[in-house]
């Protein structure tokens, strides 16, 4: 999955996945005290999204540098 992010408000962005078969989602970033991304969470935009797009099960963290 990959696509552009569009700012919505605060630390929340909307995805625009290249593969239109993947349900777009809201992505919210959590920052640490140094203002670096600590983790991210996702939730489908549409309340009618198929249950297979249950992004809440994902644990997204930055890859180590």
C-alpha atoms as a PDB file:
ATOM      1  CA  UNK A   1       0.000   0.000   0.000  1.00  0.00           C
ATOM      2  CA  UNK A   2       1.307   3.415  -0.877  1.00  0.00           C
ATOM      3  CA  UNK A   3      -0.148   6.766  -1.731  1.00  0.00           C
ATOM      4  CA  UNK A   4      -0.211  10.461  -1.058  1.00  0.00           C
ATOM      5  CA  UNK A   5      -1.233  12.015   2.260  1.00  0.00           C
ATOM      6  CA  UNK A   6      -3.419  15.118   2.424  1.00  0.00           C
ATOM      7  CA  UNK A   7      -3.521  17.136   5.639  1.00  0.00           C
ATOM      8  CA  UNK A   8      -6.934  17.140   7.360  1.00  0.00           C
ATOM      9  CA  UNK A   9      -6.239  18.762  10.742  1.00  0.00           C
ATOM     10  CA  UNK A  10      -3.631  18.595  13.489  1.00  0.00           C
ATOM     11  CA  UNK A  11      -1.692  15.337  13.158  1.00  0.00           C
ATOM     12  CA  UNK A  12      -4.345  13.652  10.977  1.00  0.00           C
ATOM     13  CA  UNK A  13      -3.997  13.073   7.241  1.00  0.00           C
ATOM     14  CA  UNK A  14      -6.152  11.422   4.570  1.00  0.00           C
ATOM     15  CA  UNK A  15      -4.589   8.739   2.388  1.00  0.00           C
ATOM     16  CA  UNK A  16      -5.028   8.539  -1.362  1.00  0.00           C
ATOM     17  CA  UNK A  17      -3.862   5.017  -2.138  1.00  0.00           C
ATOM     18  CA  UNK A  18      -2.581   4.405  -5.667  1.00  0.00           C
ATOM     19  CA  UNK A  19      -4.334   1.021  -5.729  1.00  0.00           C
ATOM     20  CA  UNK A  20      -7.986   2.108  -5.805  1.00  0.00           C
ATOM     21  CA  UNK A  21      -8.916  -1.374  -4.560  1.00  0.00           C
ATOM     22  CA  UNK A  22      -7.545  -0.355  -1.153  1.00  0.00           C
ATOM     23  CA  UNK A  23      -9.948   1.691   0.985  1.00  0.00           C
ATOM     24  CA  UNK A  24      -8.684   5.221   1.727  1.00  0.00           C
ATOM     25  CA  UNK A  25      -8.121   5.935   5.401  1.00  0.00           C
ATOM     26  CA  UNK A  26      -7.365   8.608   7.939  1.00  0.00           C
ATOM     27  CA  UNK A  27      -3.846   8.341   9.344  1.00  0.00           C
ATOM     28  CA  UNK A  28      -3.008   9.989  12.660  1.00  0.00           C
ATOM     29  CA  UNK A  29       0.571  10.424  13.840  1.00  0.00           C
ATOM     30  CA  UNK A  30       1.626  10.421  17.504  1.00  0.00           C
ATOM     31  CA  UNK A  31       4.756  12.403  18.278  1.00  0.00           C
ATOM     32  CA  UNK A  32       7.252  11.996  21.116  1.00  0.00           C
ATOM     33  CA  UNK A  33       8.774  14.795  23.236  1.00  0.00           C
ATOM     34  CA  UNK A  34      11.378  15.465  20.504  1.00  0.00           C
ATOM     35  CA  UNK A  35       8.521  15.947  17.972  1.00  0.00           C
ATOM     36  CA  UNK A  36       9.533  12.833  16.033  1.00  0.00           C
ATOM     37  CA  UNK A  37       6.954  10.289  14.924  1.00  0.00           C
ATOM     38  CA  UNK A  38       6.537   7.624  17.586  1.00  0.00           C
ATOM     39  CA  UNK A  39       3.678   5.693  15.993  1.00  0.00           C
ATOM     40  CA  UNK A  40       0.793   6.040  13.568  1.00  0.00           C
ATOM     41  CA  UNK A  41      -2.748   4.721  13.520  1.00  0.00           C
ATOM     42  CA  UNK A  42      -5.246   4.359  10.696  1.00  0.00           C
ATOM     43  CA  UNK A  43      -8.999   4.078  10.341  1.00  0.00           C
ATOM     44  CA  UNK A  44     -11.141   3.741   7.211  1.00  0.00           C
ATOM     45  CA  UNK A  45     -12.776   6.941   5.996  1.00  0.00           C
ATOM     46  CA  UNK A  46     -16.015   5.262   4.984  1.00  0.00           C
ATOM     47  CA  UNK A  47     -18.163   3.700   7.709  1.00  0.00           C
ATOM     48  CA  UNK A  48     -19.273   1.257   4.991  1.00  0.00           C
ATOM     49  CA  UNK A  49     -15.716  -0.018   4.362  1.00  0.00           C
ATOM     50  CA  UNK A  50     -15.344  -3.771   4.170  1.00  0.00           C
ATOM     51  CA  UNK A  51     -14.253  -5.317   7.489  1.00  0.00           C
ATOM     52  CA  UNK A  52     -11.038  -6.506   5.800  1.00  0.00           C
ATOM     53  CA  UNK A  53      -9.874  -2.868   5.930  1.00  0.00           C
ATOM     54  CA  UNK A  54      -9.694  -2.938   9.738  1.00  0.00           C
ATOM     55  CA  UNK A  55      -6.608  -0.731   9.962  1.00  0.00           C
ATOM     56  CA  UNK A  56      -6.960  -0.556  13.758  1.00  0.00           C
ATOM     57  CA  UNK A  57      -5.145  -3.907  13.929  1.00  0.00           C
ATOM     58  CA  UNK A  58      -1.966  -2.331  12.503  1.00  0.00           C
ATOM     59  CA  UNK A  59       0.866  -1.221  14.795  1.00  0.00           C
ATOM     60  CA  UNK A  60       2.778   1.320  12.704  1.00  0.00           C
ATOM     61  CA  UNK A  61       6.140   2.567  13.952  1.00  0.00           C
ATOM     62  CA  UNK A  62       9.049   4.197  12.095  1.00  0.00           C
ATOM     63  CA  UNK A  63      11.769   1.923  10.757  1.00  0.00           C
ATOM     64  CA  UNK A  64      15.093   2.280  12.572  1.00  0.00           C
ATOM     65  CA  UNK A  65      17.596   4.457  10.758  1.00  0.00           C
END
